[in-house]
Amino acid sequence: MELNFKEIISVSLILFSVIDILGSIPVIIDIRRKTGDIHAEQATLVSGGIMIGFLYVGKSILNLFGVDINSFAIAGALIIFLIGLEMTLGRSIFKSEESTGGAKAASIVPLAFPVIAGAGTMTTILSLKSQFDEINILVGILLNLVFIYTVLRASQWIENRLGQVGANVLRKVFGVILLAISIKIIKSRIG
C-alpha cells in the first residue's frame, strides 16, 4: 500500500459528491436554528470516526447484527425522509435532541449521521475498498473532513448572506429534494 495521488483525487471526488456537504447547507442551517449552535468539531470528528470505522470494520459490524447493506441504506433513507418532512412542512419530528442535549446531540444525530456520514457514504466506502488501497481512501476521507469542517464553521456566515427569506425558500426546496433522494434510495434498494 502506497499513496497514489490519482486514487486519492478519485476517492475524494467520489466521497465529495456522495456526502454533498454543500447541498446539506439548508439542513445545517435548520439544525443550527433549532438548537442555537452547531458543534463543528464534534460533528466532523464523529462523522470522520463513523467513516473511518466503517472503512475497516463496517461489513463485519453489519454481518454481526445480521443486517445487509440494503437494509442499512433504507434505514438511513427513512431518517433523511423525516428530515425532509420537517424542512418542507415546518414541523419538528426530532424533538428529543432539542430537550436532551441541544446542539451537542444535534451535531451527532442527525448531522454527523445520517446527513454527513449516512448510509450512502458508508455504502460508497465499502465499494471503494474493492477498487482502491485503504490508505488512499483514508486520505480521501480526511480531505473531505477538512472541507466539511470548513462548511460547518461557515454556516452562520452562509445564512447571513442568504437572508431570512432566502434561507426559508432554500429550506423548503431542499426539503422536497431530500424527500425525493430518500425515496430514490428506498426504490433502488428494494428493486
N, C-alpha and C. Protein backbone atom coordinates (compact mmCIF):
# COMPACT_ATOMS: atom_id res chain seq x y z
N MET A 1 0.84 -1.19 0.00
CA MET A 1 0.00 0.00 0.00
C MET A 1 0.88 1.24 0.00
N GLU A 2 0.67 2.06 -1.01
CA GLU A 2 1.39 3.32 -1.06
C GLU A 2 0.45 4.42 -1.52
N LEU A 3 0.79 5.64 -1.17
CA LEU A 3 -0.03 6.77 -1.56
C LEU A 3 0.00 6.94 -3.07
N ASN A 4 -1.19 7.07 -3.63
CA ASN A 4 -1.33 7.26 -5.06
C ASN A 4 -2.20 8.50 -5.27
N PHE A 5 -1.59 9.56 -5.79
CA PHE A 5 -2.28 10.84 -5.93
C PHE A 5 -3.55 10.72 -6.76
N LYS A 6 -3.50 9.94 -7.84
CA LYS A 6 -4.67 9.77 -8.71
C LYS A 6 -5.81 9.08 -7.95
N GLU A 7 -5.48 8.04 -7.18
CA GLU A 7 -6.51 7.36 -6.39
C GLU A 7 -7.09 8.28 -5.32
N ILE A 8 -6.23 9.07 -4.68
CA ILE A 8 -6.71 10.00 -3.64
C ILE A 8 -7.69 11.00 -4.23
N ILE A 9 -7.36 11.55 -5.39
CA ILE A 9 -8.26 12.51 -6.05
C ILE A 9 -9.57 11.83 -6.41
N SER A 10 -9.51 10.63 -6.98
CA SER A 10 -10.73 9.91 -7.36
C SER A 10 -11.61 9.65 -6.14
N VAL A 11 -11.02 9.11 -5.08
CA VAL A 11 -11.78 8.82 -3.86
C VAL A 11 -12.36 10.09 -3.27
N SER A 12 -11.56 11.16 -3.23
CA SER A 12 -12.02 12.42 -2.66
C SER A 12 -13.21 12.96 -3.42
N LEU A 13 -13.15 12.93 -4.75
CA LEU A 13 -14.26 13.45 -5.56
C LEU A 13 -15.51 12.59 -5.43
N ILE A 14 -15.34 11.28 -5.40
CA ILE A 14 -16.49 10.39 -5.23
C ILE A 14 -17.17 10.66 -3.89
N LEU A 15 -16.37 10.70 -2.82
CA LEU A 15 -16.94 10.95 -1.49
C LEU A 15 -17.55 12.35 -1.40
N PHE A 16 -16.90 13.34 -2.02
CA PHE A 16 -17.42 14.70 -2.01
C PHE A 16 -18.82 14.75 -2.63
N SER A 17 -19.00 14.03 -3.74
CA SER A 17 -20.30 14.05 -4.40
C SER A 17 -21.35 13.28 -3.60
N VAL A 18 -20.95 12.22 -2.91
CA VAL A 18 -21.91 11.44 -2.12
C VAL A 18 -22.28 12.16 -0.83
N ILE A 19 -21.27 12.70 -0.14
CA ILE A 19 -21.53 13.41 1.12
C ILE A 19 -22.33 14.67 0.85
N ASP A 20 -22.00 15.40 -0.22
CA ASP A 20 -22.72 16.60 -0.66
C ASP A 20 -22.94 17.59 0.48
N ILE A 21 -21.86 17.99 1.12
CA ILE A 21 -21.97 18.92 2.25
C ILE A 21 -22.51 20.27 1.81
N LEU A 22 -22.20 20.70 0.59
CA LEU A 22 -22.74 21.97 0.09
C LEU A 22 -24.25 21.90 -0.08
N GLY A 23 -24.73 20.75 -0.56
CA GLY A 23 -26.17 20.56 -0.70
C GLY A 23 -26.88 20.43 0.64
N SER A 24 -26.11 20.12 1.68
CA SER A 24 -26.69 19.96 3.01
C SER A 24 -26.74 21.27 3.81
N ILE A 25 -26.30 22.36 3.22
CA ILE A 25 -26.30 23.64 3.93
C ILE A 25 -27.66 24.00 4.50
N PRO A 26 -28.78 23.82 3.74
CA PRO A 26 -30.09 24.12 4.35
C PRO A 26 -30.38 23.29 5.60
N VAL A 27 -29.97 22.02 5.60
CA VAL A 27 -30.18 21.15 6.77
C VAL A 27 -29.35 21.67 7.93
N ILE A 28 -28.10 22.03 7.64
CA ILE A 28 -27.19 22.54 8.67
C ILE A 28 -27.76 23.82 9.29
N ILE A 29 -28.23 24.72 8.44
CA ILE A 29 -28.83 25.97 8.93
C ILE A 29 -30.06 25.68 9.78
N ASP A 30 -30.88 24.73 9.32
CA ASP A 30 -32.10 24.37 10.06
C ASP A 30 -31.75 23.81 11.44
N ILE A 31 -30.76 22.94 11.50
CA ILE A 31 -30.36 22.35 12.79
C ILE A 31 -29.82 23.44 13.71
N ARG A 32 -29.02 24.35 13.15
CA ARG A 32 -28.46 25.43 13.97
C ARG A 32 -29.55 26.35 14.49
N ARG A 33 -30.58 26.60 13.68
CA ARG A 33 -31.70 27.43 14.14
C ARG A 33 -32.45 26.78 15.29
N LYS A 34 -32.66 25.48 15.19
CA LYS A 34 -33.40 24.76 16.23
C LYS A 34 -32.63 24.69 17.55
N THR A 35 -31.32 24.50 17.45
CA THR A 35 -30.53 24.25 18.65
C THR A 35 -29.73 25.46 19.12
N GLY A 36 -29.62 26.47 18.27
CA GLY A 36 -28.87 27.66 18.64
C GLY A 36 -27.42 27.61 18.23
N ASP A 37 -26.89 26.42 17.93
CA ASP A 37 -25.48 26.30 17.56
C ASP A 37 -25.24 24.93 16.95
N ILE A 38 -24.11 24.83 16.27
CA ILE A 38 -23.63 23.54 15.76
C ILE A 38 -22.21 23.39 16.26
N HIS A 39 -21.91 22.23 16.78
CA HIS A 39 -20.54 21.95 17.22
C HIS A 39 -19.80 21.34 16.04
N ALA A 40 -19.15 22.21 15.25
CA ALA A 40 -18.49 21.77 14.02
C ALA A 40 -17.42 20.72 14.29
N GLU A 41 -16.64 20.93 15.35
CA GLU A 41 -15.58 19.98 15.67
C GLU A 41 -16.16 18.60 15.99
N GLN A 42 -17.18 18.60 16.85
CA GLN A 42 -17.79 17.34 17.26
C GLN A 42 -18.43 16.62 16.07
N ALA A 43 -19.19 17.35 15.25
CA ALA A 43 -19.84 16.74 14.09
C ALA A 43 -18.81 16.18 13.12
N THR A 44 -17.71 16.91 12.91
CA THR A 44 -16.66 16.46 12.00
C THR A 44 -15.96 15.22 12.55
N LEU A 45 -15.62 15.25 13.84
CA LEU A 45 -14.93 14.10 14.44
C LEU A 45 -15.81 12.85 14.45
N VAL A 46 -17.08 13.02 14.82
CA VAL A 46 -17.98 11.85 14.88
C VAL A 46 -18.21 11.29 13.48
N SER A 47 -18.49 12.17 12.50
CA SER A 47 -18.71 11.66 11.14
C SER A 47 -17.43 11.03 10.59
N GLY A 48 -16.26 11.62 10.91
CA GLY A 48 -14.99 11.03 10.50
C GLY A 48 -14.76 9.68 11.14
N GLY A 49 -15.08 9.59 12.43
CA GLY A 49 -14.96 8.31 13.13
C GLY A 49 -15.86 7.24 12.53
N ILE A 50 -17.07 7.64 12.18
CA ILE A 50 -18.00 6.69 11.56
C ILE A 50 -17.46 6.22 10.22
N MET A 51 -16.99 7.16 9.39
CA MET A 51 -16.49 6.78 8.06
C MET A 51 -15.24 5.91 8.14
N ILE A 52 -14.29 6.30 9.00
CA ILE A 52 -13.05 5.53 9.13
C ILE A 52 -13.34 4.17 9.75
N GLY A 53 -14.18 4.15 10.78
CA GLY A 53 -14.56 2.87 11.39
C GLY A 53 -15.23 1.96 10.38
N PHE A 54 -16.11 2.54 9.56
CA PHE A 54 -16.81 1.74 8.57
C PHE A 54 -15.86 1.23 7.49
N LEU A 55 -14.81 2.00 7.20
CA LEU A 55 -13.81 1.57 6.23
C LEU A 55 -13.17 0.25 6.67
N TYR A 56 -12.88 0.14 7.95
CA TYR A 56 -12.15 -1.02 8.44
C TYR A 56 -13.04 -2.16 8.94
N VAL A 57 -14.17 -1.85 9.57
CA VAL A 57 -14.97 -2.92 10.17
C VAL A 57 -16.46 -2.85 9.81
N GLY A 58 -16.82 -2.03 8.85
CA GLY A 58 -18.23 -1.83 8.51
C GLY A 58 -18.97 -3.08 8.12
N LYS A 59 -18.41 -3.81 7.19
CA LYS A 59 -19.09 -5.01 6.72
C LYS A 59 -19.21 -6.04 7.84
N SER A 60 -18.17 -6.15 8.66
CA SER A 60 -18.19 -7.10 9.79
C SER A 60 -19.26 -6.73 10.81
N ILE A 61 -19.41 -5.43 11.09
CA ILE A 61 -20.42 -4.98 12.05
C ILE A 61 -21.82 -5.28 11.53
N LEU A 62 -22.06 -4.98 10.27
CA LEU A 62 -23.38 -5.27 9.69
C LEU A 62 -23.65 -6.77 9.72
N ASN A 63 -22.64 -7.57 9.36
CA ASN A 63 -22.81 -9.02 9.39
C ASN A 63 -23.07 -9.53 10.81
N LEU A 64 -22.39 -8.94 11.79
CA LEU A 64 -22.56 -9.33 13.19
C LEU A 64 -24.02 -9.19 13.63
N PHE A 65 -24.66 -8.12 13.19
CA PHE A 65 -26.05 -7.88 13.55
C PHE A 65 -27.03 -8.47 12.54
N GLY A 66 -26.51 -9.14 11.53
CA GLY A 66 -27.37 -9.74 10.52
C GLY A 66 -28.07 -8.73 9.64
N VAL A 67 -27.44 -7.58 9.46
CA VAL A 67 -28.03 -6.51 8.65
C VAL A 67 -27.29 -6.45 7.32
N ASP A 68 -28.05 -6.46 6.24
CA ASP A 68 -27.41 -6.34 4.94
C ASP A 68 -27.32 -4.86 4.55
N ILE A 69 -26.51 -4.57 3.53
CA ILE A 69 -26.29 -3.19 3.09
C ILE A 69 -27.60 -2.53 2.67
N ASN A 70 -28.49 -3.27 2.01
CA ASN A 70 -29.76 -2.69 1.56
C ASN A 70 -30.62 -2.23 2.74
N SER A 71 -30.72 -3.04 3.77
CA SER A 71 -31.50 -2.67 4.95
C SER A 71 -30.90 -1.44 5.63
N PHE A 72 -29.59 -1.41 5.71
CA PHE A 72 -28.90 -0.27 6.31
C PHE A 72 -29.17 1.01 5.51
N ALA A 73 -29.10 0.91 4.19
CA ALA A 73 -29.35 2.06 3.32
C ALA A 73 -30.79 2.55 3.46
N ILE A 74 -31.74 1.63 3.57
CA ILE A 74 -33.15 2.01 3.72
C ILE A 74 -33.38 2.70 5.06
N ALA A 75 -32.75 2.23 6.12
CA ALA A 75 -32.87 2.88 7.43
C ALA A 75 -32.37 4.32 7.37
N GLY A 76 -31.20 4.52 6.75
CA GLY A 76 -30.67 5.87 6.58
C GLY A 76 -31.59 6.73 5.73
N ALA A 77 -32.18 6.13 4.69
CA ALA A 77 -33.11 6.86 3.81
C ALA A 77 -34.36 7.30 4.57
N LEU A 78 -34.83 6.47 5.50
CA LEU A 78 -36.01 6.85 6.29
C LEU A 78 -35.72 8.06 7.18
N ILE A 79 -34.53 8.12 7.75
CA ILE A 79 -34.16 9.28 8.56
C ILE A 79 -34.08 10.53 7.68
N ILE A 80 -33.48 10.39 6.49
CA ILE A 80 -33.42 11.51 5.56
C ILE A 80 -34.83 11.95 5.15
N PHE A 81 -35.73 11.00 4.97
CA PHE A 81 -37.13 11.30 4.64
C PHE A 81 -37.77 12.15 5.73
N LEU A 82 -37.55 11.76 6.99
CA LEU A 82 -38.13 12.51 8.10
C LEU A 82 -37.55 13.93 8.20
N ILE A 83 -36.26 14.07 7.94
CA ILE A 83 -35.64 15.40 7.93
C ILE A 83 -36.26 16.24 6.83
N GLY A 84 -36.46 15.64 5.65
CA GLY A 84 -37.10 16.34 4.54
C GLY A 84 -38.52 16.77 4.88
N LEU A 85 -39.26 15.91 5.57
CA LEU A 85 -40.62 16.29 6.02
C LEU A 85 -40.57 17.47 6.96
N GLU A 86 -39.66 17.43 7.90
CA GLU A 86 -39.51 18.56 8.83
C GLU A 86 -39.28 19.86 8.09
N MET A 87 -38.35 19.83 7.15
CA MET A 87 -37.98 21.04 6.42
C MET A 87 -39.13 21.55 5.55
N THR A 88 -39.84 20.64 4.91
CA THR A 88 -40.90 21.03 4.00
C THR A 88 -42.15 21.50 4.74
N LEU A 89 -42.52 20.79 5.78
CA LEU A 89 -43.77 21.10 6.49
C LEU A 89 -43.59 22.06 7.67
N GLY A 90 -42.35 22.28 8.08
CA GLY A 90 -42.11 23.18 9.21
C GLY A 90 -42.52 22.58 10.55
N ARG A 91 -42.54 21.27 10.63
CA ARG A 91 -42.89 20.56 11.88
C ARG A 91 -41.66 19.91 12.46
N SER A 92 -41.62 19.77 13.79
CA SER A 92 -40.49 19.12 14.45
C SER A 92 -40.80 17.66 14.70
N ILE A 93 -39.96 16.80 14.18
CA ILE A 93 -40.08 15.37 14.40
C ILE A 93 -39.02 14.92 15.40
N PHE A 94 -37.79 15.46 15.25
CA PHE A 94 -36.69 15.11 16.13
C PHE A 94 -36.69 16.03 17.34
N LYS A 95 -37.65 15.84 18.24
CA LYS A 95 -37.78 16.73 19.40
C LYS A 95 -36.84 16.37 20.54
N SER A 96 -36.46 15.11 20.67
CA SER A 96 -35.67 14.71 21.83
C SER A 96 -34.32 15.40 21.87
N GLU A 97 -33.72 15.66 20.71
CA GLU A 97 -32.42 16.32 20.71
C GLU A 97 -32.50 17.72 21.29
N GLU A 98 -33.60 18.40 21.03
CA GLU A 98 -33.74 19.77 21.49
C GLU A 98 -33.76 19.85 23.01
N SER A 99 -34.37 18.87 23.65
CA SER A 99 -34.51 18.96 25.10
C SER A 99 -33.44 18.20 25.87
N THR A 100 -32.78 17.24 25.22
CA THR A 100 -31.81 16.42 25.96
C THR A 100 -30.40 16.52 25.41
N GLY A 101 -29.94 17.69 25.15
CA GLY A 101 -28.57 17.80 24.69
C GLY A 101 -28.37 18.92 23.70
N GLY A 102 -29.44 19.46 23.17
CA GLY A 102 -29.36 20.60 22.29
C GLY A 102 -28.41 20.42 21.14
N ALA A 103 -27.53 21.42 20.99
CA ALA A 103 -26.63 21.46 19.84
C ALA A 103 -25.67 20.28 19.82
N LYS A 104 -25.23 19.82 20.99
CA LYS A 104 -24.29 18.68 21.01
C LYS A 104 -24.96 17.43 20.45
N ALA A 105 -26.19 17.15 20.89
CA ALA A 105 -26.89 15.97 20.40
C ALA A 105 -27.21 16.11 18.92
N ALA A 106 -27.65 17.29 18.49
CA ALA A 106 -28.00 17.50 17.08
C ALA A 106 -26.76 17.47 16.19
N SER A 107 -25.59 17.75 16.75
CA SER A 107 -24.36 17.67 15.97
C SER A 107 -24.01 16.23 15.65
N ILE A 108 -24.57 15.30 16.44
CA ILE A 108 -24.32 13.88 16.17
C ILE A 108 -25.46 13.30 15.33
N VAL A 109 -26.70 13.36 15.85
CA VAL A 109 -27.87 12.90 15.11
C VAL A 109 -28.82 14.07 14.99
N PRO A 110 -29.17 14.52 13.84
CA PRO A 110 -28.99 13.91 12.53
C PRO A 110 -27.82 14.44 11.71
N LEU A 111 -26.97 15.32 12.25
CA LEU A 111 -25.94 15.95 11.42
C LEU A 111 -24.80 14.99 11.05
N ALA A 112 -24.07 14.47 12.04
CA ALA A 112 -22.96 13.57 11.72
C ALA A 112 -23.48 12.30 11.05
N PHE A 113 -24.60 11.78 11.57
CA PHE A 113 -25.28 10.65 10.95
C PHE A 113 -26.77 10.94 10.95
N PRO A 114 -27.46 10.92 9.85
CA PRO A 114 -27.07 10.43 8.53
C PRO A 114 -26.74 11.52 7.50
N VAL A 115 -26.76 12.80 7.89
CA VAL A 115 -26.55 13.84 6.88
C VAL A 115 -25.14 13.76 6.29
N ILE A 116 -24.11 13.70 7.15
CA ILE A 116 -22.74 13.67 6.63
C ILE A 116 -22.30 12.23 6.35
N ALA A 117 -22.30 11.39 7.36
CA ALA A 117 -21.85 10.00 7.21
C ALA A 117 -23.07 9.09 7.19
N GLY A 118 -23.85 9.21 6.15
CA GLY A 118 -25.07 8.43 6.04
C GLY A 118 -24.84 7.09 5.37
N ALA A 119 -25.94 6.41 5.12
CA ALA A 119 -25.87 5.08 4.52
C ALA A 119 -25.23 5.13 3.14
N GLY A 120 -25.50 6.17 2.38
CA GLY A 120 -24.90 6.30 1.05
C GLY A 120 -23.38 6.42 1.13
N THR A 121 -22.92 7.23 2.09
CA THR A 121 -21.48 7.41 2.28
C THR A 121 -20.84 6.09 2.70
N MET A 122 -21.46 5.40 3.63
CA MET A 122 -20.87 4.16 4.12
C MET A 122 -20.90 3.05 3.07
N THR A 123 -21.98 2.98 2.31
CA THR A 123 -22.05 2.01 1.23
C THR A 123 -20.97 2.31 0.18
N THR A 124 -20.78 3.60 -0.11
CA THR A 124 -19.75 4.01 -1.06
C THR A 124 -18.36 3.63 -0.56
N ILE A 125 -18.11 3.84 0.72
CA ILE A 125 -16.81 3.48 1.29
C ILE A 125 -16.55 1.98 1.14
N LEU A 126 -17.58 1.17 1.38
CA LEU A 126 -17.41 -0.28 1.21
C LEU A 126 -17.09 -0.63 -0.25
N SER A 127 -17.75 0.04 -1.18
CA SER A 127 -17.48 -0.27 -2.59
C SER A 127 -16.12 0.27 -3.03
N LEU A 128 -15.67 1.37 -2.44
CA LEU A 128 -14.34 1.91 -2.77
C LEU A 128 -13.23 0.95 -2.35
N LYS A 129 -13.50 0.19 -1.27
CA LYS A 129 -12.48 -0.76 -0.78
C LYS A 129 -12.13 -1.81 -1.82
N SER A 130 -13.06 -2.10 -2.71
CA SER A 130 -12.79 -3.11 -3.73
C SER A 130 -11.99 -2.54 -4.91
N GLN A 131 -11.86 -1.20 -4.97
CA GLN A 131 -11.20 -0.58 -6.11
C GLN A 131 -9.90 0.14 -5.76
N PHE A 132 -9.77 0.60 -4.52
CA PHE A 132 -8.64 1.45 -4.15
C PHE A 132 -7.96 0.93 -2.88
N ASP A 133 -6.68 1.32 -2.70
CA ASP A 133 -5.96 0.97 -1.47
C ASP A 133 -6.57 1.71 -0.29
N GLU A 134 -6.59 1.06 0.86
CA GLU A 134 -7.19 1.67 2.06
C GLU A 134 -6.54 2.99 2.43
N ILE A 135 -5.22 3.10 2.27
CA ILE A 135 -4.53 4.34 2.64
C ILE A 135 -5.03 5.51 1.80
N ASN A 136 -5.31 5.27 0.53
CA ASN A 136 -5.80 6.33 -0.35
C ASN A 136 -7.25 6.70 -0.02
N ILE A 137 -8.03 5.72 0.38
CA ILE A 137 -9.41 6.00 0.82
C ILE A 137 -9.36 6.82 2.10
N LEU A 138 -8.47 6.45 3.01
CA LEU A 138 -8.34 7.17 4.28
C LEU A 138 -7.96 8.64 4.04
N VAL A 139 -7.01 8.88 3.15
CA VAL A 139 -6.62 10.26 2.84
C VAL A 139 -7.80 11.01 2.21
N GLY A 140 -8.54 10.34 1.33
CA GLY A 140 -9.72 10.96 0.72
C GLY A 140 -10.77 11.34 1.76
N ILE A 141 -10.97 10.48 2.74
CA ILE A 141 -11.91 10.77 3.83
C ILE A 141 -11.42 11.99 4.61
N LEU A 142 -10.13 12.02 4.93
CA LEU A 142 -9.58 13.14 5.71
C LEU A 142 -9.70 14.46 4.95
N LEU A 143 -9.45 14.46 3.65
CA LEU A 143 -9.61 15.67 2.85
C LEU A 143 -11.06 16.17 2.88
N ASN A 144 -12.00 15.23 2.78
CA ASN A 144 -13.41 15.61 2.85
C ASN A 144 -13.78 16.16 4.22
N LEU A 145 -13.18 15.60 5.28
CA LEU A 145 -13.47 16.09 6.63
C LEU A 145 -13.01 17.53 6.82
N VAL A 146 -11.89 17.90 6.21
CA VAL A 146 -11.42 19.29 6.29
C VAL A 146 -12.45 20.21 5.64
N PHE A 147 -12.97 19.82 4.49
CA PHE A 147 -13.96 20.64 3.80
C PHE A 147 -15.27 20.70 4.59
N ILE A 148 -15.69 19.56 5.15
CA ILE A 148 -16.91 19.51 5.97
C ILE A 148 -16.79 20.46 7.15
N TYR A 149 -15.66 20.42 7.84
CA TYR A 149 -15.44 21.29 8.99
C TYR A 149 -15.53 22.76 8.57
N THR A 150 -14.94 23.10 7.43
CA THR A 150 -14.96 24.48 6.95
C THR A 150 -16.40 24.94 6.69
N VAL A 151 -17.19 24.10 6.04
CA VAL A 151 -18.59 24.46 5.75
C VAL A 151 -19.39 24.59 7.04
N LEU A 152 -19.20 23.67 7.98
CA LEU A 152 -19.93 23.75 9.25
C LEU A 152 -19.58 25.02 10.01
N ARG A 153 -18.31 25.38 10.02
CA ARG A 153 -17.88 26.61 10.71
C ARG A 153 -18.45 27.86 10.03
N ALA A 154 -18.65 27.80 8.72
CA ALA A 154 -19.12 28.96 7.97
C ALA A 154 -20.63 29.02 7.83
N SER A 155 -21.36 28.12 8.48
CA SER A 155 -22.82 28.06 8.29
C SER A 155 -23.53 29.35 8.70
N GLN A 156 -23.08 29.97 9.77
CA GLN A 156 -23.68 31.25 10.20
C GLN A 156 -23.44 32.32 9.13
N TRP A 157 -22.23 32.40 8.62
CA TRP A 157 -21.89 33.37 7.58
C TRP A 157 -22.73 33.13 6.33
N ILE A 158 -22.88 31.85 5.94
CA ILE A 158 -23.67 31.49 4.75
C ILE A 158 -25.13 31.90 4.95
N GLU A 159 -25.67 31.64 6.15
CA GLU A 159 -27.06 32.00 6.42
C GLU A 159 -27.24 33.52 6.37
N ASN A 160 -26.28 34.26 6.90
CA ASN A 160 -26.36 35.72 6.85
C ASN A 160 -26.39 36.23 5.42
N ARG A 161 -25.63 35.60 4.54
CA ARG A 161 -25.61 36.01 3.13
C ARG A 161 -26.93 35.68 2.44
N LEU A 162 -27.55 34.56 2.81
CA LEU A 162 -28.83 34.17 2.20
C LEU A 162 -29.98 35.05 2.66
N GLY A 163 -29.94 35.48 3.92
CA GLY A 163 -31.05 36.24 4.49
C GLY A 163 -32.17 35.30 4.93
N GLN A 164 -33.13 35.83 5.67
CA GLN A 164 -34.23 35.03 6.21
C GLN A 164 -35.09 34.41 5.10
N VAL A 165 -35.49 35.22 4.12
CA VAL A 165 -36.35 34.72 3.05
C VAL A 165 -35.61 33.69 2.22
N GLY A 166 -34.36 33.98 1.86
CA GLY A 166 -33.57 33.04 1.07
C GLY A 166 -33.36 31.72 1.78
N ALA A 167 -33.10 31.79 3.08
CA ALA A 167 -32.91 30.57 3.87
C ALA A 167 -34.20 29.75 3.93
N ASN A 168 -35.34 30.43 4.10
CA ASN A 168 -36.62 29.72 4.17
C ASN A 168 -36.95 29.05 2.84
N VAL A 169 -36.74 29.77 1.73
CA VAL A 169 -37.02 29.19 0.41
C VAL A 169 -36.10 27.99 0.17
N LEU A 170 -34.81 28.16 0.47
CA LEU A 170 -33.84 27.09 0.29
C LEU A 170 -34.21 25.88 1.15
N ARG A 171 -34.67 26.14 2.35
CA ARG A 171 -35.06 25.06 3.27
C ARG A 171 -36.20 24.24 2.70
N LYS A 172 -37.25 24.91 2.19
CA LYS A 172 -38.41 24.21 1.62
C LYS A 172 -38.02 23.42 0.38
N VAL A 173 -37.27 24.07 -0.52
CA VAL A 173 -36.87 23.40 -1.76
C VAL A 173 -35.99 22.20 -1.45
N PHE A 174 -35.01 22.38 -0.55
CA PHE A 174 -34.13 21.28 -0.24
C PHE A 174 -34.86 20.18 0.52
N GLY A 175 -35.88 20.54 1.29
CA GLY A 175 -36.69 19.53 1.96
C GLY A 175 -37.35 18.59 0.97
N VAL A 176 -37.89 19.16 -0.12
CA VAL A 176 -38.50 18.34 -1.16
C VAL A 176 -37.44 17.48 -1.85
N ILE A 177 -36.26 18.06 -2.07
CA ILE A 177 -35.17 17.29 -2.69
C ILE A 177 -34.76 16.13 -1.79
N LEU A 178 -34.68 16.37 -0.48
CA LEU A 178 -34.35 15.28 0.46
C LEU A 178 -35.41 14.18 0.41
N LEU A 179 -36.67 14.56 0.34
CA LEU A 179 -37.74 13.56 0.23
C LEU A 179 -37.53 12.71 -1.03
N ALA A 180 -37.22 13.37 -2.14
CA ALA A 180 -37.01 12.65 -3.40
C ALA A 180 -35.78 11.74 -3.31
N ILE A 181 -34.70 12.23 -2.70
CA ILE A 181 -33.49 11.42 -2.55
C ILE A 181 -33.78 10.19 -1.71
N SER A 182 -34.51 10.37 -0.61
CA SER A 182 -34.80 9.22 0.25
C SER A 182 -35.65 8.19 -0.47
N ILE A 183 -36.63 8.65 -1.24
CA ILE A 183 -37.48 7.71 -1.98
C ILE A 183 -36.66 6.99 -3.05
N LYS A 184 -35.73 7.72 -3.69
CA LYS A 184 -34.87 7.09 -4.70
C LYS A 184 -34.00 6.00 -4.07
N ILE A 185 -33.44 6.29 -2.88
CA ILE A 185 -32.61 5.29 -2.19
C ILE A 185 -33.44 4.06 -1.87
N ILE A 186 -34.65 4.27 -1.34
CA ILE A 186 -35.51 3.15 -0.97
C ILE A 186 -35.88 2.33 -2.21
N LYS A 187 -36.26 3.02 -3.30
CA LYS A 187 -36.61 2.30 -4.54
C LYS A 187 -35.44 1.50 -5.07
N SER A 188 -34.23 2.07 -5.04
CA SER A 188 -33.08 1.37 -5.60
C SER A 188 -32.69 0.17 -4.74
N ARG A 189 -32.97 0.22 -3.45
CA ARG A 189 -32.59 -0.88 -2.56
C ARG A 189 -33.66 -1.98 -2.53
N ILE A 190 -34.91 -1.61 -2.79
CA ILE A 190 -35.98 -2.62 -2.78
C ILE A 190 -36.03 -3.37 -4.11
N GLY A 191 -35.84 -2.60 -5.21
CA GLY A 191 -35.99 -3.19 -6.55
C GLY A 191 -34.90 -4.01 -6.99
